[in-house]
Every structure is written in C-alpha cells, then in structure tokens.
C-alpha cells in the first residue's frame, strides 16, 4: 500500500515517499504530530519492514508536555526498526537526546546535515 498523501498535515513534507518519511519541524512539537508520525511509522513498518526518516528543523521551539512523554516511547518502540535517520539543521538538544538513546537506535544509521544540505540528506535517506 503506497503512502496516502491526502489529508497529511504540513509537518509531513511532500518529499515523503514509500521509502522514506520526511518531517518538517517548524515550531513546537506537539502530541498530535507524534500521533501522526506513529501512524505513518506503523504503516511504513508494515509495508517495508523498516523506517527511514528525515527530519528538517526549520524552527524548533521545544516540546509540549504530552509530546515529551511520547518522544521517549518513540525511541523505544521504533528505534530498533530505523535503518536511516537524517537530521537537517538539528538543534543541539536533539543531538544530545539521540546520543542518550544509543541503546534503542543504532547510531551508525544517523547522519546530521547542515541547512543547505537538504538534497544530500534526502538522497542519503533514500539510498
């Protein structure tokens, strides 16, 4: 079943494909954004057996309380299934957080890119 692009919020970038999900972080991370991501991750796992993810940090304003709790669970639930994770322009707090999650995500599948390297990140996550 291919990715259904209808009714996707702006946080899901049009560059998303059946192979890789691309998310735009532009403000506060909220619980509803994690719910959407969880649904898409579950669909991708069922379809591909793996998760490939690109997160583009245009403007990061932190997490609301519900999102903070959900974020911790995401690492445990989905981390072992992530085969590629590209972070474009990540804030230092995200890099620190990922280093703390080493047990649930193989850090060799994570790459960081500068703001002007979006196309490189997109190519890498889709390899």
C-alpha atoms as a PDB file:
ATOM      1  CA  UNK A   1       0.000   0.000   0.000  1.00  0.00           C
ATOM      2  CA  UNK A   2       1.643   3.285  -1.080  1.00  0.00           C
ATOM      3  CA  UNK A   3       1.824   6.387   1.080  1.00  0.00           C
ATOM      4  CA  UNK A   4      -1.543   8.155   1.006  1.00  0.00           C
ATOM      5  CA  UNK A   5      -0.718  11.841   0.615  1.00  0.00           C
ATOM      6  CA  UNK A   6      -4.292  13.017   1.105  1.00  0.00           C
ATOM      7  CA  UNK A   7      -5.023  14.860   4.327  1.00  0.00           C
ATOM      8  CA  UNK A   8      -1.414  14.861   5.504  1.00  0.00           C
ATOM      9  CA  UNK A   9      -0.508  17.862   7.680  1.00  0.00           C
ATOM     10  CA  UNK A  10       2.167  20.355   6.681  1.00  0.00           C
ATOM     11  CA  UNK A  11       4.579  18.655   9.086  1.00  0.00           C
ATOM     12  CA  UNK A  12       4.791  15.769   6.589  1.00  0.00           C
ATOM     13  CA  UNK A  13       6.870  17.075   3.719  1.00  0.00           C
ATOM     14  CA  UNK A  14       5.946  16.417   0.073  1.00  0.00           C
ATOM     15  CA  UNK A  15       9.335  14.712  -0.363  1.00  0.00           C
ATOM     16  CA  UNK A  16       7.986  11.771   1.672  1.00  0.00           C
ATOM     17  CA  UNK A  17       7.776   8.541  -0.292  1.00  0.00           C
ATOM     18  CA  UNK A  18       7.007   4.890   0.312  1.00  0.00           C
ATOM     19  CA  UNK A  19      10.712   4.518   1.092  1.00  0.00           C
ATOM     20  CA  UNK A  20      11.298   7.477   3.454  1.00  0.00           C
ATOM     21  CA  UNK A  21       9.203   9.786   5.603  1.00  0.00           C
ATOM     22  CA  UNK A  22      10.213  13.440   5.712  1.00  0.00           C
ATOM     23  CA  UNK A  23       9.049  15.680   8.534  1.00  0.00           C
ATOM     24  CA  UNK A  24       9.255  19.457   8.877  1.00  0.00           C
ATOM     25  CA  UNK A  25       9.786  20.807  12.385  1.00  0.00           C
ATOM     26  CA  UNK A  26       8.612  24.395  12.345  1.00  0.00           C
ATOM     27  CA  UNK A  27       7.669  25.386  15.867  1.00  0.00           C
ATOM     28  CA  UNK A  28       6.591  23.440  18.925  1.00  0.00           C
ATOM     29  CA  UNK A  29       6.465  19.642  18.761  1.00  0.00           C
ATOM     30  CA  UNK A  30       3.002  18.579  19.887  1.00  0.00           C
ATOM     31  CA  UNK A  31       1.309  15.316  20.774  1.00  0.00           C
ATOM     32  CA  UNK A  32      -0.811  15.332  17.626  1.00  0.00           C
ATOM     33  CA  UNK A  33       2.339  15.466  15.474  1.00  0.00           C
ATOM     34  CA  UNK A  34       3.645  12.380  17.273  1.00  0.00           C
ATOM     35  CA  UNK A  35       0.316  10.604  16.754  1.00  0.00           C
ATOM     36  CA  UNK A  36       0.531  11.283  13.015  1.00  0.00           C
ATOM     37  CA  UNK A  37       4.158  10.145  12.928  1.00  0.00           C
ATOM     38  CA  UNK A  38       3.303   6.956  14.836  1.00  0.00           C
ATOM     39  CA  UNK A  39       0.570   6.065  12.357  1.00  0.00           C
ATOM     40  CA  UNK A  40       2.924   6.677   9.428  1.00  0.00           C
ATOM     41  CA  UNK A  41       5.744   4.710  11.099  1.00  0.00           C
ATOM     42  CA  UNK A  42       3.409   1.756  11.698  1.00  0.00           C
ATOM     43  CA  UNK A  43       2.291   1.862   8.051  1.00  0.00           C
ATOM     44  CA  UNK A  44       5.889   2.048   6.840  1.00  0.00           C
ATOM     45  CA  UNK A  45       6.917  -0.884   9.041  1.00  0.00           C
ATOM     46  CA  UNK A  46       4.041  -2.971   7.689  1.00  0.00           C
ATOM     47  CA  UNK A  47       4.936  -2.019   4.111  1.00  0.00           C
ATOM     48  CA  UNK A  48       8.736  -2.017   4.183  1.00  0.00           C
ATOM     49  CA  UNK A  49       9.797  -3.742   7.396  1.00  0.00           C
ATOM     50  CA  UNK A  50      11.969  -0.720   8.233  1.00  0.00           C
ATOM     51  CA  UNK A  51      11.753   3.006   8.885  1.00  0.00           C
ATOM     52  CA  UNK A  52      13.711   5.667   7.018  1.00  0.00           C
ATOM     53  CA  UNK A  53      13.280   9.144   8.358  1.00  0.00           C
ATOM     54  CA  UNK A  54      14.368  12.678   7.519  1.00  0.00           C
ATOM     55  CA  UNK A  55      13.653  15.494   9.965  1.00  0.00           C
ATOM     56  CA  UNK A  56      14.185  19.048   8.747  1.00  0.00           C
ATOM     57  CA  UNK A  57      14.450  21.552  11.592  1.00  0.00           C
ATOM     58  CA  UNK A  58      13.394  24.872  10.136  1.00  0.00           C
ATOM     59  CA  UNK A  59      12.445  26.338  13.517  1.00  0.00           C
ATOM     60  CA  UNK A  60      12.477  24.308  16.721  1.00  0.00           C
ATOM     61  CA  UNK A  61      10.631  25.605  19.796  1.00  0.00           C
ATOM     62  CA  UNK A  62      10.814  22.525  22.022  1.00  0.00           C
ATOM     63  CA  UNK A  63       8.162  20.017  23.071  1.00  0.00           C
ATOM     64  CA  UNK A  64       4.812  20.357  24.756  1.00  0.00           C
ATOM     65  CA  UNK A  65       4.433  18.079  27.800  1.00  0.00           C
ATOM     66  CA  UNK A  66       2.444  15.358  26.006  1.00  0.00           C
ATOM     67  CA  UNK A  67       4.974  15.300  23.177  1.00  0.00           C
ATOM     68  CA  UNK A  68       7.863  14.904  25.608  1.00  0.00           C
ATOM     69  CA  UNK A  69       6.316  11.747  27.019  1.00  0.00           C
ATOM     70  CA  UNK A  70       5.523  10.396  23.561  1.00  0.00           C
ATOM     71  CA  UNK A  71       9.037  11.122  22.312  1.00  0.00           C
ATOM     72  CA  UNK A  72      10.561   8.837  24.938  1.00  0.00           C
ATOM     73  CA  UNK A  73       8.308   5.973  23.887  1.00  0.00           C
ATOM     74  CA  UNK A  74       9.044   6.509  20.197  1.00  0.00           C
ATOM     75  CA  UNK A  75      12.728   5.791  20.698  1.00  0.00           C
ATOM     76  CA  UNK A  76      11.985   2.504  22.396  1.00  0.00           C
ATOM     77  CA  UNK A  77       9.236   1.381  20.034  1.00  0.00           C
ATOM     78  CA  UNK A  78      10.603   2.489  16.672  1.00  0.00           C
ATOM     79  CA  UNK A  79      14.350   2.869  17.283  1.00  0.00           C
ATOM     80  CA  UNK A  80      15.207  -0.769  16.547  1.00  0.00           C
ATOM     81  CA  UNK A  81      13.408  -0.518  13.178  1.00  0.00           C
ATOM     82  CA  UNK A  82      15.147   2.631  11.929  1.00  0.00           C
ATOM     83  CA  UNK A  83      17.661   1.910   9.186  1.00  0.00           C
ATOM     84  CA  UNK A  84      18.348   5.522   8.130  1.00  0.00           C
ATOM     85  CA  UNK A  85      17.717   8.746  10.023  1.00  0.00           C
ATOM     86  CA  UNK A  86      18.787  12.105   8.574  1.00  0.00           C
ATOM     87  CA  UNK A  87      18.606  15.292  10.614  1.00  0.00           C
ATOM     88  CA  UNK A  88      18.849  18.576   8.747  1.00  0.00           C
ATOM     89  CA  UNK A  89      19.768  21.588  10.888  1.00  0.00           C
ATOM     90  CA  UNK A  90      19.106  19.799  14.192  1.00  0.00           C
ATOM     91  CA  UNK A  91      19.293  21.868  17.378  1.00  0.00           C
ATOM     92  CA  UNK A  92      21.955  20.765  19.883  1.00  0.00           C
ATOM     93  CA  UNK A  93      19.275  19.366  22.227  1.00  0.00           C
ATOM     94  CA  UNK A  94      18.218  16.857  19.552  1.00  0.00           C
ATOM     95  CA  UNK A  95      21.778  15.665  19.011  1.00  0.00           C
ATOM     96  CA  UNK A  96      22.228  15.246  22.778  1.00  0.00           C
ATOM     97  CA  UNK A  97      18.948  13.393  23.076  1.00  0.00           C
ATOM     98  CA  UNK A  98      19.899  10.956  20.311  1.00  0.00           C
ATOM     99  CA  UNK A  99      23.211  10.230  21.998  1.00  0.00           C
ATOM    100  CA  UNK A 100      21.265   9.245  25.118  1.00  0.00           C
ATOM    101  CA  UNK A 101      19.136   6.822  23.072  1.00  0.00           C
ATOM    102  CA  UNK A 102      22.024   4.742  21.783  1.00  0.00           C
ATOM    103  CA  UNK A 103      20.553   1.606  23.287  1.00  0.00           C
ATOM    104  CA  UNK A 104      17.386   1.734  21.186  1.00  0.00           C
ATOM    105  CA  UNK A 105      18.766   3.148  17.929  1.00  0.00           C
ATOM    106  CA  UNK A 106      21.908   2.083  16.119  1.00  0.00           C
ATOM    107  CA  UNK A 107      23.794   5.397  15.907  1.00  0.00           C
ATOM    108  CA  UNK A 108      25.513   4.279  12.703  1.00  0.00           C
ATOM    109  CA  UNK A 109      22.215   4.861  10.873  1.00  0.00           C
ATOM    110  CA  UNK A 110      22.064   8.538  11.926  1.00  0.00           C
ATOM    111  CA  UNK A 111      23.576  11.403   9.934  1.00  0.00           C
ATOM    112  CA  UNK A 112      23.450  15.136  10.523  1.00  0.00           C
ATOM    113  CA  UNK A 113      23.285  17.696   7.735  1.00  0.00           C
ATOM    114  CA  UNK A 114      23.531  21.475   7.585  1.00  0.00           C
ATOM    115  CA  UNK A 115      20.584  23.610   6.458  1.00  0.00           C
ATOM    116  CA  UNK A 116      21.954  23.898   2.898  1.00  0.00           C
ATOM    117  CA  UNK A 117      22.433  20.119   2.588  1.00  0.00           C
ATOM    118  CA  UNK A 118      18.755  19.121   2.419  1.00  0.00           C
ATOM    119  CA  UNK A 119      19.097  17.469  -1.005  1.00  0.00           C
ATOM    120  CA  UNK A 120      22.123  15.478   0.179  1.00  0.00           C
ATOM    121  CA  UNK A 121      20.148  14.307   3.229  1.00  0.00           C
ATOM    122  CA  UNK A 122      17.191  13.352   1.048  1.00  0.00           C
ATOM    123  CA  UNK A 123      19.418  11.376  -1.321  1.00  0.00           C
ATOM    124  CA  UNK A 124      21.144   9.576   1.551  1.00  0.00           C
ATOM    125  CA  UNK A 125      17.928   8.590   3.344  1.00  0.00           C
ATOM    126  CA  UNK A 126      16.533   7.194   0.078  1.00  0.00           C
ATOM    127  CA  UNK A 127      19.648   5.183  -0.932  1.00  0.00           C
END
